[in-house]
Amino acid sequence: MGIVTPIILVSIVGVVAGVGLTLAAKFMAVPVDETAVKIRECLPGANCGGCGFAGCDDYAAALAADPTIAPNMCAPGGAAAAAGIAAVLGVEAGSSEPMVARVHCTGANGVAKESMEYQGFSTCAAAKGFFGGPGQCKNACIGFGDCVAACKYDAIQVVNGVAWVDMEQCVACGACTKACPNSLIRLVPKKSRVWVGCSSTDPGKITRQVCDAGCIACKLCEKACKFEAIKVENNHAVIDPDKCKNCGLCAKACPRHIIHMIPRKPVAPKAAAAAPAKEEAPAKEAAPVKETAPVKEEAPVKEAAPEKAEAPAQEVPAKEEAPAKDE
């Protein structure tokens, strides 16, 4: 009896607790919108906030509550996510233009001059709060990699003191744009291949003194552009991607070479460079073999080397001279 009593008491407590939890789950349950659940399954779950909402769950709930919200606002999900959401809501997905993050600064180490040796916390935000950063240009990339830490797709890294974006890895979530204290990183259409590698707001005279790759606001790019796609604003050139035709005239006109042109096929130059190497390799190997092989074989006959083309003529006199030596 001493063992049975505790077992009965524990069983009764378990039953009561089970009934209580069941009733609580029934009467205190939060209603779930099945539409929001289906929409959430179409989203990648990056929770980057690039759509303007707090995360994927918030965006899905907003879409379920208001179908007029555009279903193509998820940059990481791209066209696939937009099509899935549109199918759930029964609306058109609409056009979703691929975007990519781009860093508007080329002030690498040794190019942008420094004003001090910073020894504080190794974050761009901390360095920015200390007299605007270690560089003389207060609009340059600080280079401690706050953007790298913010990116969940390993699409950005700091190379030679400046952030660099891998266009193939970038999903345009916008996390790096929010992390940059100097607002150097912006989302632009992926089709836009011309970009300005400077965001300096200093006059041209000062820019020349603090950076070797800074825009001096000479406006030669403006004059060269036939589509009014580039303007000098706040002492640096700014490109309107909607007007830009990727002609590259502004890049050619820039005396500071800070307007850059991205190749149509970034991989093609590597393949083209490798192709000649493969073609030239056999040529270089074959050439020495043809020229040096006879020399190595006829090394003792150094005087006859110039008459390589008349090899048979050398053998005939050799036969005539042999009897002359016997006489």
C-alpha atoms as a PDB file:
ATOM      1  CA  MET A   1       0.000   0.000   0.000  1.00  0.00           C
ATOM      2  CA  GLY A   2       2.906   2.334   0.627  1.00  0.00           C
ATOM      3  CA  ILE A   3       3.872   2.239  -3.053  1.00  0.00           C
ATOM      4  CA  VAL A   4       0.382   2.173  -4.573  1.00  0.00           C
ATOM      5  CA  THR A   5      -0.746   5.427  -2.966  1.00  0.00           C
ATOM      6  CA  PRO A   6       1.990   7.625  -4.538  1.00  0.00           C
ATOM      7  CA  ILE A   7       1.415   6.026  -7.926  1.00  0.00           C
ATOM      8  CA  ILE A   8      -2.301   6.804  -7.760  1.00  0.00           C
ATOM      9  CA  LEU A   9      -1.645  10.405  -6.708  1.00  0.00           C
ATOM     10  CA  VAL A  10       0.870  10.976  -9.552  1.00  0.00           C
ATOM     11  CA  SER A  11      -1.547   9.460 -12.056  1.00  0.00           C
ATOM     12  CA  ILE A  12      -4.361  11.718 -10.884  1.00  0.00           C
ATOM     13  CA  VAL A  13      -2.090  14.788 -11.146  1.00  0.00           C
ATOM     14  CA  GLY A  14      -1.047  13.708 -14.649  1.00  0.00           C
ATOM     15  CA  VAL A  15      -4.638  13.300 -15.787  1.00  0.00           C
ATOM     16  CA  VAL A  16      -5.670  16.658 -14.360  1.00  0.00           C
ATOM     17  CA  ALA A  17      -2.656  18.381 -15.943  1.00  0.00           C
ATOM     18  CA  GLY A  18      -3.349  16.728 -19.303  1.00  0.00           C
ATOM     19  CA  VAL A  19      -6.981  17.821 -19.279  1.00  0.00           C
ATOM     20  CA  GLY A  20      -5.950  21.349 -18.311  1.00  0.00           C
ATOM     21  CA  LEU A  21      -3.401  21.607 -21.114  1.00  0.00           C
ATOM     22  CA  THR A  22      -5.886  20.261 -23.627  1.00  0.00           C
ATOM     23  CA  LEU A  23      -8.506  22.809 -22.635  1.00  0.00           C
ATOM     24  CA  ALA A  24      -5.915  25.615 -22.677  1.00  0.00           C
ATOM     25  CA  ALA A  25      -4.724  24.613 -26.145  1.00  0.00           C
ATOM     26  CA  LYS A  26      -8.316  24.641 -27.366  1.00  0.00           C
ATOM     27  CA  PHE A  27      -9.616  27.838 -25.834  1.00  0.00           C
ATOM     28  CA  MET A  28      -6.367  29.868 -25.780  1.00  0.00           C
ATOM     29  CA  ALA A  29      -5.056  28.894 -29.200  1.00  0.00           C
ATOM     30  CA  VAL A  30      -3.988  31.670 -31.546  1.00  0.00           C
ATOM     31  CA  PRO A  31      -5.706  31.319 -34.911  1.00  0.00           C
ATOM     32  CA  VAL A  32      -3.274  30.553 -37.742  1.00  0.00           C
ATOM     33  CA  ASP A  33      -3.856  31.930 -41.202  1.00  0.00           C
ATOM     34  CA  GLU A  34      -3.313  29.036 -43.582  1.00  0.00           C
ATOM     35  CA  THR A  35      -2.663  31.464 -46.418  1.00  0.00           C
ATOM     36  CA  ALA A  36       0.173  33.055 -44.468  1.00  0.00           C
ATOM     37  CA  VAL A  37       1.621  29.622 -43.770  1.00  0.00           C
ATOM     38  CA  LYS A  38       1.605  28.745 -47.485  1.00  0.00           C
ATOM     39  CA  ILE A  39       3.182  32.097 -48.362  1.00  0.00           C
ATOM     40  CA  ARG A  40       5.833  31.602 -45.716  1.00  0.00           C
ATOM     41  CA  GLU A  41       6.797  28.308 -47.339  1.00  0.00           C
ATOM     42  CA  CYS A  42       7.574  30.203 -50.572  1.00  0.00           C
ATOM     43  CA  LEU A  43       9.984  32.588 -48.851  1.00  0.00           C
ATOM     44  CA  PRO A  44      13.670  31.722 -48.291  1.00  0.00           C
ATOM     45  CA  GLY A  45      13.666  32.550 -44.578  1.00  0.00           C
ATOM     46  CA  ALA A  46      16.576  35.002 -44.727  1.00  0.00           C
ATOM     47  CA  ASN A  47      14.748  37.503 -42.480  1.00  0.00           C
ATOM     48  CA  CYS A  48      16.911  40.228 -44.024  1.00  0.00           C
ATOM     49  CA  GLY A  49      14.244  42.920 -43.993  1.00  0.00           C
ATOM     50  CA  GLY A  50      14.979  43.872 -47.577  1.00  0.00           C
ATOM     51  CA  CYS A  51      11.267  43.799 -48.364  1.00  0.00           C
ATOM     52  CA  GLY A  52      10.610  46.518 -45.821  1.00  0.00           C
ATOM     53  CA  PHE A  53       9.001  44.210 -43.247  1.00  0.00           C
ATOM     54  CA  ALA A  54      10.421  42.847 -40.010  1.00  0.00           C
ATOM     55  CA  GLY A  55      11.102  39.440 -41.545  1.00  0.00           C
ATOM     56  CA  CYS A  56       9.692  36.655 -43.678  1.00  0.00           C
ATOM     57  CA  ASP A  57       6.889  35.893 -41.203  1.00  0.00           C
ATOM     58  CA  ASP A  58       5.841  39.537 -41.083  1.00  0.00           C
ATOM     59  CA  TYR A  59       5.907  39.805 -44.890  1.00  0.00           C
ATOM     60  CA  ALA A  60       3.848  36.623 -45.246  1.00  0.00           C
ATOM     61  CA  ALA A  61       1.276  37.852 -42.716  1.00  0.00           C
ATOM     62  CA  ALA A  62       1.041  41.204 -44.478  1.00  0.00           C
ATOM     63  CA  LEU A  63       0.516  39.535 -47.853  1.00  0.00           C
ATOM     64  CA  ALA A  64      -2.179  37.265 -46.454  1.00  0.00           C
ATOM     65  CA  ALA A  65      -3.982  40.239 -44.893  1.00  0.00           C
ATOM     66  CA  ASP A  66      -3.573  42.554 -47.872  1.00  0.00           C
ATOM     67  CA  PRO A  67      -3.233  40.851 -51.284  1.00  0.00           C
ATOM     68  CA  THR A  68      -2.586  44.229 -52.927  1.00  0.00           C
ATOM     69  CA  ILE A  69       0.964  44.190 -51.533  1.00  0.00           C
ATOM     70  CA  ALA A  70       3.413  43.272 -54.259  1.00  0.00           C
ATOM     71  CA  PRO A  71       4.427  39.596 -54.139  1.00  0.00           C
ATOM     72  CA  ASN A  72       7.846  40.282 -55.697  1.00  0.00           C
ATOM     73  CA  MET A  73       9.431  42.276 -52.885  1.00  0.00           C
ATOM     74  CA  CYS A  74      11.633  39.424 -51.686  1.00  0.00           C
ATOM     75  CA  ALA A  75      15.016  39.948 -53.328  1.00  0.00           C
ATOM     76  CA  PRO A  76      16.690  36.750 -52.024  1.00  0.00           C
ATOM     77  CA  GLY A  77      13.746  34.654 -53.217  1.00  0.00           C
ATOM     78  CA  GLY A  78      13.713  36.312 -56.613  1.00  0.00           C
ATOM     79  CA  ALA A  79      11.328  35.322 -59.377  1.00  0.00           C
ATOM     80  CA  ALA A  80      10.729  31.840 -57.913  1.00  0.00           C
ATOM     81  CA  ALA A  81       9.411  33.219 -54.625  1.00  0.00           C
ATOM     82  CA  ALA A  82       7.299  35.811 -56.422  1.00  0.00           C
ATOM     83  CA  ALA A  83       5.751  33.146 -58.646  1.00  0.00           C
ATOM     84  CA  GLY A  84       4.981  30.911 -55.657  1.00  0.00           C
ATOM     85  CA  ILE A  85       3.368  33.728 -53.687  1.00  0.00           C
ATOM     86  CA  ALA A  86       1.369  34.819 -56.724  1.00  0.00           C
ATOM     87  CA  ALA A  87       0.077  31.282 -57.157  1.00  0.00           C
ATOM     88  CA  VAL A  88      -1.057  31.148 -53.521  1.00  0.00           C
ATOM     89  CA  LEU A  89      -2.798  34.521 -53.702  1.00  0.00           C
ATOM     90  CA  GLY A  90      -4.118  34.063 -57.220  1.00  0.00           C
ATOM     91  CA  VAL A  91      -2.533  37.273 -58.498  1.00  0.00           C
ATOM     92  CA  GLU A  92       0.117  38.146 -61.059  1.00  0.00           C
ATOM     93  CA  ALA A  93       3.709  37.915 -59.913  1.00  0.00           C
ATOM     94  CA  GLY A  94       4.730  41.005 -61.838  1.00  0.00           C
ATOM     95  CA  SER A  95       8.194  41.732 -63.119  1.00  0.00           C
ATOM     96  CA  SER A  96      11.045  41.331 -60.693  1.00  0.00           C
ATOM     97  CA  GLU A  97      14.232  43.001 -61.853  1.00  0.00           C
ATOM     98  CA  PRO A  98      17.385  41.369 -60.454  1.00  0.00           C
ATOM     99  CA  MET A  99      19.320  43.709 -58.199  1.00  0.00           C
ATOM    100  CA  VAL A 100      22.842  43.612 -56.827  1.00  0.00           C
ATOM    101  CA  ALA A 101      24.773  45.497 -54.164  1.00  0.00           C
ATOM    102  CA  ARG A 102      27.581  47.748 -55.368  1.00  0.00           C
ATOM    103  CA  VAL A 103      30.276  49.564 -53.379  1.00  0.00           C
ATOM    104  CA  HIS A 104      30.798  53.142 -54.530  1.00  0.00           C
ATOM    105  CA  CYS A 105      34.384  53.518 -53.390  1.00  0.00           C
ATOM    106  CA  THR A 106      37.750  52.444 -54.820  1.00  0.00           C
ATOM    107  CA  GLY A 107      39.987  54.044 -52.202  1.00  0.00           C
ATOM    108  CA  ALA A 108      42.113  50.983 -51.530  1.00  0.00           C
ATOM    109  CA  ASN A 109      45.139  50.845 -49.255  1.00  0.00           C
ATOM    110  CA  GLY A 110      47.739  53.278 -50.519  1.00  0.00           C
ATOM    111  CA  VAL A 111      45.183  55.087 -52.683  1.00  0.00           C
ATOM    112  CA  ALA A 112      43.112  56.818 -50.009  1.00  0.00           C
ATOM    113  CA  LYS A 113      45.394  58.606 -47.564  1.00  0.00           C
ATOM    114  CA  GLU A 114      45.058  58.115 -43.821  1.00  0.00           C
ATOM    115  CA  SER A 115      45.001  60.827 -41.197  1.00  0.00           C
ATOM    116  CA  MET A 116      45.784  58.651 -38.173  1.00  0.00           C
ATOM    117  CA  GLU A 117      46.566  55.153 -36.994  1.00  0.00           C
ATOM    118  CA  TYR A 118      43.344  53.837 -35.545  1.00  0.00           C
ATOM    119  CA  GLN A 119      43.751  51.387 -32.648  1.00  0.00           C
ATOM    120  CA  GLY A 120      40.190  51.135 -31.342  1.00  0.00           C
ATOM    121  CA  PHE A 121      37.485  48.533 -31.851  1.00  0.00           C
ATOM    122  CA  SER A 122      37.813  46.936 -35.291  1.00  0.00           C
ATOM    123  CA  THR A 123      34.383  47.843 -36.592  1.00  0.00           C
ATOM    124  CA  CYS A 124      33.446  50.454 -39.144  1.00  0.00           C
ATOM    125  CA  ALA A 125      30.777  51.888 -36.847  1.00  0.00           C
ATOM    126  CA  ALA A 126      33.252  52.373 -33.996  1.00  0.00           C
ATOM    127  CA  ALA A 127      35.891  53.901 -36.251  1.00  0.00           C
ATOM    128  CA  LYS A 128      33.308  56.223 -37.811  1.00  0.00           C
ATOM    129  CA  GLY A 129      32.435  57.521 -34.374  1.00  0.00           C
ATOM    130  CA  PHE A 130      36.051  58.449 -33.746  1.00  0.00           C
ATOM    131  CA  PHE A 131      36.597  61.653 -35.776  1.00  0.00           C
ATOM    132  CA  GLY A 132      34.883  60.130 -38.798  1.00  0.00           C
ATOM    133  CA  GLY A 133      37.345  57.295 -39.285  1.00  0.00           C
ATOM    134  CA  PRO A 134      41.088  56.888 -39.875  1.00  0.00           C
ATOM    135  CA  GLY A 135      41.030  58.085 -43.488  1.00  0.00           C
ATOM    136  CA  GLN A 136      41.375  61.665 -44.673  1.00  0.00           C
ATOM    137  CA  CYS A 137      38.342  61.122 -46.888  1.00  0.00           C
ATOM    138  CA  LYS A 138      35.407  60.822 -44.511  1.00  0.00           C
ATOM    139  CA  ASN A 139      33.248  59.226 -47.212  1.00  0.00           C
ATOM    140  CA  ALA A 140      35.608  56.363 -48.013  1.00  0.00           C
ATOM    141  CA  CYS A 141      35.327  52.689 -47.138  1.00  0.00           C
ATOM    142  CA  ILE A 142      36.705  52.225 -43.621  1.00  0.00           C
ATOM    143  CA  GLY A 143      37.482  48.589 -44.357  1.00  0.00           C
ATOM    144  CA  PHE A 144      36.773  46.795 -41.073  1.00  0.00           C
ATOM    145  CA  GLY A 145      34.047  44.669 -42.628  1.00  0.00           C
ATOM    146  CA  ASP A 146      30.758  45.501 -40.907  1.00  0.00           C
ATOM    147  CA  CYS A 147      29.139  44.672 -44.240  1.00  0.00           C
ATOM    148  CA  VAL A 148      30.906  41.298 -44.328  1.00  0.00           C
ATOM    149  CA  ALA A 149      29.555  40.428 -40.879  1.00  0.00           C
ATOM    150  CA  ALA A 150      26.029  41.448 -41.920  1.00  0.00           C
ATOM    151  CA  CYS A 151      25.947  39.364 -45.115  1.00  0.00           C
ATOM    152  CA  LYS A 152      24.491  35.869 -44.678  1.00  0.00           C
ATOM    153  CA  TYR A 153      25.463  34.713 -48.162  1.00  0.00           C
ATOM    154  CA  ASP A 154      29.244  35.290 -48.159  1.00  0.00           C
ATOM    155  CA  ALA A 155      28.728  37.680 -51.056  1.00  0.00           C
ATOM    156  CA  ILE A 156      30.937  40.516 -49.817  1.00  0.00           C
ATOM    157  CA  GLN A 157      34.477  40.718 -48.519  1.00  0.00           C
ATOM    158  CA  VAL A 158      37.130  43.347 -47.860  1.00  0.00           C
ATOM    159  CA  VAL A 159      39.908  43.284 -50.452  1.00  0.00           C
ATOM    160  CA  ASN A 160      42.889  45.584 -50.023  1.00  0.00           C
ATOM    161  CA  GLY A 161      40.991  47.782 -47.607  1.00  0.00           C
ATOM    162  CA  VAL A 162      37.802  48.170 -49.677  1.00  0.00           C
ATOM    163  CA  ALA A 163      34.589  46.136 -49.634  1.00  0.00           C
ATOM    164  CA  TRP A 164      34.031  44.068 -52.778  1.00  0.00           C
ATOM    165  CA  VAL A 165      30.770  42.357 -53.817  1.00  0.00           C
ATOM    166  CA  ASP A 166      30.584  38.999 -55.577  1.00  0.00           C
ATOM    167  CA  MET A 167      27.786  39.605 -58.078  1.00  0.00           C
ATOM    168  CA  GLU A 168      27.115  35.902 -58.490  1.00  0.00           C
ATOM    169  CA  GLN A 169      26.639  35.345 -54.751  1.00  0.00           C
ATOM    170  CA  CYS A 170      24.740  38.557 -53.974  1.00  0.00           C
ATOM    171  CA  VAL A 171      20.970  38.172 -53.561  1.00  0.00           C
ATOM    172  CA  ALA A 172      20.325  41.887 -52.983  1.00  0.00           C
ATOM    173  CA  CYS A 173      18.994  41.398 -49.460  1.00  0.00           C
ATOM    174  CA  GLY A 174      20.274  44.850 -48.519  1.00  0.00           C
ATOM    175  CA  ALA A 175      21.893  43.824 -45.221  1.00  0.00           C
ATOM    176  CA  CYS A 176      25.248  45.282 -46.238  1.00  0.00           C
ATOM    177  CA  THR A 177      23.685  48.585 -47.266  1.00  0.00           C
ATOM    178  CA  LYS A 178      22.285  49.010 -43.768  1.00  0.00           C
ATOM    179  CA  ALA A 179      25.544  47.991 -42.088  1.00  0.00           C
ATOM    180  CA  CYS A 180      27.764  50.520 -43.897  1.00  0.00           C
ATOM    181  CA  PRO A 181      28.111  53.674 -41.757  1.00  0.00           C
ATOM    182  CA  ASN A 182      29.139  55.745 -44.785  1.00  0.00           C
ATOM    183  CA  SER A 183      26.259  54.514 -46.985  1.00  0.00           C
ATOM    184  CA  LEU A 184      28.673  53.491 -49.719  1.00  0.00           C
ATOM    185  CA  ILE A 185      26.820  50.311 -50.659  1.00  0.00           C
ATOM    186  CA  ARG A 186      23.657  50.638 -52.706  1.00  0.00           C
ATOM    187  CA  LEU A 187      21.338  48.276 -54.520  1.00  0.00           C
ATOM    188  CA  VAL A 188      21.298  48.804 -58.270  1.00  0.00           C
ATOM    189  CA  PRO A 189      19.834  46.825 -61.182  1.00  0.00           C
ATOM    190  CA  LYS A 190      22.097  43.941 -62.095  1.00  0.00           C
ATOM    191  CA  LYS A 191      21.881  44.933 -65.752  1.00  0.00           C
ATOM    192  CA  SER A 192      23.571  48.268 -64.963  1.00  0.00           C
ATOM    193  CA  ARG A 193      27.239  47.652 -65.777  1.00  0.00           C
ATOM    194  CA  VAL A 194      28.636  51.180 -65.316  1.00  0.00           C
ATOM    195  CA  TRP A 195      29.302  52.438 -61.807  1.00  0.00           C
ATOM    196  CA  VAL A 196      31.115  55.291 -60.100  1.00  0.00           C
ATOM    197  CA  GLY A 197      33.771  54.235 -57.611  1.00  0.00           C
ATOM    198  CA  CYS A 198      33.609  57.355 -55.450  1.00  0.00           C
ATOM    199  CA  SER A 199      31.185  58.962 -53.014  1.00  0.00           C
ATOM    200  CA  SER A 200      33.282  61.903 -51.887  1.00  0.00           C
ATOM    201  CA  THR A 201      31.456  65.107 -51.123  1.00  0.00           C
ATOM    202  CA  ASP A 202      34.632  67.186 -50.906  1.00  0.00           C
ATOM    203  CA  PRO A 203      35.529  69.763 -53.553  1.00  0.00           C
ATOM    204  CA  GLY A 204      37.852  68.567 -56.285  1.00  0.00           C
ATOM    205  CA  LYS A 205      40.895  70.346 -54.839  1.00  0.00           C
ATOM    206  CA  ILE A 206      40.552  68.559 -51.499  1.00  0.00           C
ATOM    207  CA  THR A 207      39.735  65.230 -53.127  1.00  0.00           C
ATOM    208  CA  ARG A 208      43.009  65.358 -55.063  1.00  0.00           C
ATOM    209  CA  GLN A 209      44.876  65.801 -51.803  1.00  0.00           C
ATOM    210  CA  VAL A 210      43.222  62.983 -49.847  1.00  0.00           C
ATOM    211  CA  CYS A 211      42.678  60.287 -52.498  1.00  0.00           C
ATOM    212  CA  ASP A 212      44.239  59.250 -55.782  1.00  0.00           C
ATOM    213  CA  ALA A 213      40.982  57.658 -56.954  1.00  0.00           C
ATOM    214  CA  GLY A 214      38.440  60.332 -56.093  1.00  0.00           C
ATOM    215  CA  CYS A 215      35.931  62.206 -58.226  1.00  0.00           C
ATOM    216  CA  ILE A 216      36.969  65.841 -58.756  1.00  0.00           C
ATOM    217  CA  ALA A 217      33.576  66.897 -60.160  1.00  0.00           C
ATOM    218  CA  CYS A 218      35.065  67.966 -63.498  1.00  0.00           C
ATOM    219  CA  LYS A 219      31.799  67.042 -65.269  1.00  0.00           C
ATOM    220  CA  LEU A 220      33.578  65.588 -68.291  1.00  0.00           C
ATOM    221  CA  CYS A 221      31.432  62.484 -67.838  1.00  0.00           C
ATOM    222  CA  GLU A 222      28.303  64.628 -68.091  1.00  0.00           C
ATOM    223  CA  LYS A 223      29.483  66.115 -71.366  1.00  0.00           C
ATOM    224  CA  ALA A 224      30.408  62.729 -72.790  1.00  0.00           C
ATOM    225  CA  CYS A 225      27.079  61.056 -71.988  1.00  0.00           C
ATOM    226  CA  LYS A 226      24.517  61.300 -74.798  1.00  0.00           C
ATOM    227  CA  PHE A 227      21.616  60.089 -72.677  1.00  0.00           C
ATOM    228  CA  GLU A 228      21.824  62.457 -69.678  1.00  0.00           C
ATOM    229  CA  ALA A 229      22.323  59.384 -67.503  1.00  0.00           C
ATOM    230  CA  ILE A 230      25.124  60.761 -65.338  1.00  0.00           C
ATOM    231  CA  LYS A 231      25.178  63.943 -63.284  1.00  0.00           C
ATOM    232  CA  VAL A 232      27.593  65.450 -60.802  1.00  0.00           C
ATOM    233  CA  GLU A 233      25.750  65.835 -57.519  1.00  0.00           C
ATOM    234  CA  ASN A 234      27.310  66.887 -54.237  1.00  0.00           C
ATOM    235  CA  ASN A 235      30.793  66.893 -55.803  1.00  0.00           C
ATOM    236  CA  HIS A 236      30.689  63.361 -57.242  1.00  0.00           C
ATOM    237  CA  ALA A 237      29.195  61.693 -60.295  1.00  0.00           C
ATOM    238  CA  VAL A 238      25.922  59.793 -59.925  1.00  0.00           C
ATOM    239  CA  ILE A 239      24.472  57.453 -62.556  1.00  0.00           C
ATOM    240  CA  ASP A 240      20.754  57.080 -63.219  1.00  0.00           C
ATOM    241  CA  PRO A 241      20.379  53.344 -64.019  1.00  0.00           C
ATOM    242  CA  ASP A 242      17.040  53.947 -65.740  1.00  0.00           C
ATOM    243  CA  LYS A 243      18.682  56.216 -68.318  1.00  0.00           C
ATOM    244  CA  CYS A 244      22.078  54.522 -68.573  1.00  0.00           C
ATOM    245  CA  LYS A 245      22.624  52.511 -71.775  1.00  0.00           C
ATOM    246  CA  ASN A 246      25.944  50.985 -70.657  1.00  0.00           C
ATOM    247  CA  CYS A 247      27.746  52.674 -73.533  1.00  0.00           C
ATOM    248  CA  GLY A 248      30.825  53.390 -71.421  1.00  0.00           C
ATOM    249  CA  LEU A 249      31.493  56.873 -72.831  1.00  0.00           C
ATOM    250  CA  CYS A 250      31.590  58.389 -69.352  1.00  0.00           C
ATOM    251  CA  ALA A 251      34.185  55.838 -68.245  1.00  0.00           C
ATOM    252  CA  LYS A 252      36.428  56.765 -71.156  1.00  0.00           C
ATOM    253  CA  ALA A 253      36.049  60.486 -70.457  1.00  0.00           C
ATOM    254  CA  CYS A 254      36.874  60.299 -66.744  1.00  0.00           C
ATOM    255  CA  PRO A 255      40.402  61.663 -66.176  1.00  0.00           C
ATOM    256  CA  ARG A 256      40.617  60.026 -62.746  1.00  0.00           C
ATOM    257  CA  HIS A 257      39.469  56.603 -64.005  1.00  0.00           C
ATOM    258  CA  ILE A 258      36.951  56.162 -61.211  1.00  0.00           C
ATOM    259  CA  ILE A 259      34.034  55.249 -63.503  1.00  0.00           C
ATOM    260  CA  HIS A 260      34.197  51.535 -64.179  1.00  0.00           C
ATOM    261  CA  MET A 261      32.664  49.255 -66.790  1.00  0.00           C
ATOM    262  CA  ILE A 262      31.756  45.702 -65.816  1.00  0.00           C
ATOM    263  CA  PRO A 263      32.185  43.177 -68.679  1.00  0.00           C
ATOM    264  CA  ARG A 264      29.026  41.575 -70.027  1.00  0.00           C
ATOM    265  CA  LYS A 265      30.369  38.132 -69.217  1.00  0.00           C
ATOM    266  CA  PRO A 266      32.792  38.319 -66.275  1.00  0.00           C
ATOM    267  CA  VAL A 267      33.923  34.728 -66.880  1.00  0.00           C
ATOM    268  CA  ALA A 268      34.668  35.261 -70.580  1.00  0.00           C
ATOM    269  CA  PRO A 269      37.928  37.194 -70.103  1.00  0.00           C
ATOM    270  CA  LYS A 270      39.331  34.351 -68.010  1.00  0.00           C
ATOM    271  CA  ALA A 271      38.375  31.798 -70.635  1.00  0.00           C
ATOM    272  CA  ALA A 272      39.763  33.996 -73.396  1.00  0.00           C
ATOM    273  CA  ALA A 273      42.983  34.480 -71.511  1.00  0.00           C
ATOM    274  CA  ALA A 274      43.296  30.757 -70.954  1.00  0.00           C
ATOM    275  CA  ALA A 275      42.635  29.904 -74.592  1.00  0.00           C
ATOM    276  CA  PRO A 276      45.684  31.699 -76.021  1.00  0.00           C
ATOM    277  CA  ALA A 277      47.789  30.219 -73.278  1.00  0.00           C
ATOM    278  CA  LYS A 278      46.773  26.743 -74.338  1.00  0.00           C
ATOM    279  CA  GLU A 279      47.396  27.528 -77.978  1.00  0.00           C
ATOM    280  CA  GLU A 280      50.729  29.203 -77.397  1.00  0.00           C
ATOM    281  CA  ALA A 281      51.994  26.542 -75.035  1.00  0.00           C
ATOM    282  CA  PRO A 282      52.487  23.901 -77.726  1.00  0.00           C
ATOM    283  CA  ALA A 283      53.895  26.515 -80.090  1.00  0.00           C
ATOM    284  CA  LYS A 284      56.501  27.552 -77.573  1.00  0.00           C
ATOM    285  CA  GLU A 285      57.443  23.942 -76.854  1.00  0.00           C
ATOM    286  CA  ALA A 286      57.546  22.933 -80.486  1.00  0.00           C
ATOM    287  CA  ALA A 287      59.614  25.901 -81.647  1.00  0.00           C
ATOM    288  CA  PRO A 288      62.635  25.198 -79.499  1.00  0.00           C
ATOM    289  CA  VAL A 289      62.538  21.501 -80.361  1.00  0.00           C
ATOM    290  CA  LYS A 290      62.710  22.166 -84.084  1.00  0.00           C
ATOM    291  CA  GLU A 291      65.509  24.695 -83.821  1.00  0.00           C
ATOM    292  CA  THR A 292      67.673  23.109 -81.161  1.00  0.00           C
ATOM    293  CA  ALA A 293      67.329  19.449 -82.100  1.00  0.00           C
ATOM    294  CA  PRO A 294      69.656  19.685 -85.139  1.00  0.00           C
ATOM    295  CA  VAL A 295      72.110  21.796 -83.169  1.00  0.00           C
ATOM    296  CA  LYS A 296      72.340  19.244 -80.414  1.00  0.00           C
ATOM    297  CA  GLU A 297      72.844  16.382 -82.880  1.00  0.00           C
ATOM    298  CA  GLU A 298      75.453  18.236 -84.964  1.00  0.00           C
ATOM    299  CA  ALA A 299      77.164  19.882 -82.015  1.00  0.00           C
ATOM    300  CA  PRO A 300      80.656  18.845 -83.209  1.00  0.00           C
ATOM    301  CA  VAL A 301      80.063  20.418 -86.613  1.00  0.00           C
ATOM    302  CA  LYS A 302      79.660  23.997 -85.469  1.00  0.00           C
ATOM    303  CA  GLU A 303      81.068  25.454 -88.733  1.00  0.00           C
ATOM    304  CA  ALA A 304      78.490  23.677 -90.836  1.00  0.00           C
ATOM    305  CA  ALA A 305      75.612  25.031 -88.742  1.00  0.00           C
ATOM    306  CA  PRO A 306      74.813  27.943 -91.137  1.00  0.00           C
ATOM    307  CA  GLU A 307      74.278  25.453 -93.988  1.00  0.00           C
ATOM    308  CA  LYS A 308      71.530  23.485 -92.256  1.00  0.00           C
ATOM    309  CA  ALA A 309      69.140  23.990 -95.172  1.00  0.00           C
ATOM    310  CA  GLU A 310      71.721  22.431 -97.617  1.00  0.00           C
ATOM    311  CA  ALA A 311      72.333  19.284 -95.638  1.00  0.00           C
ATOM    312  CA  PRO A 312      72.673  17.082 -98.773  1.00  0.00           C
ATOM    313  CA  ALA A 313      75.278  19.491-100.255  1.00  0.00           C
ATOM    314  CA  GLN A 314      77.441  18.998 -97.188  1.00  0.00           C
ATOM    315  CA  GLU A 315      77.544  15.225 -97.665  1.00  0.00           C
ATOM    316  CA  VAL A 316      78.681  15.430-101.333  1.00  0.00           C
ATOM    317  CA  PRO A 317      81.835  17.468-100.676  1.00  0.00           C
ATOM    318  CA  ALA A 318      82.567  15.208 -97.747  1.00  0.00           C
ATOM    319  CA  LYS A 319      82.754  12.222-100.141  1.00  0.00           C
ATOM    320  CA  GLU A 320      85.036  14.081-102.605  1.00  0.00           C
ATOM    321  CA  GLU A 321      87.444  15.242 -99.915  1.00  0.00           C
ATOM    322  CA  ALA A 322      87.881  11.752 -98.547  1.00  0.00           C
ATOM    323  CA  PRO A 323      89.871  10.449-101.613  1.00  0.00           C
ATOM    324  CA  ALA A 324      91.806  13.707-101.687  1.00  0.00           C
ATOM    325  CA  LYS A 325      93.138  12.946 -98.243  1.00  0.00           C
ATOM    326  CA  ASP A 326      94.214   9.401 -99.381  1.00  0.00           C
ATOM    327  CA  GLU A 327      96.241  10.758-102.324  1.00  0.00           C
END
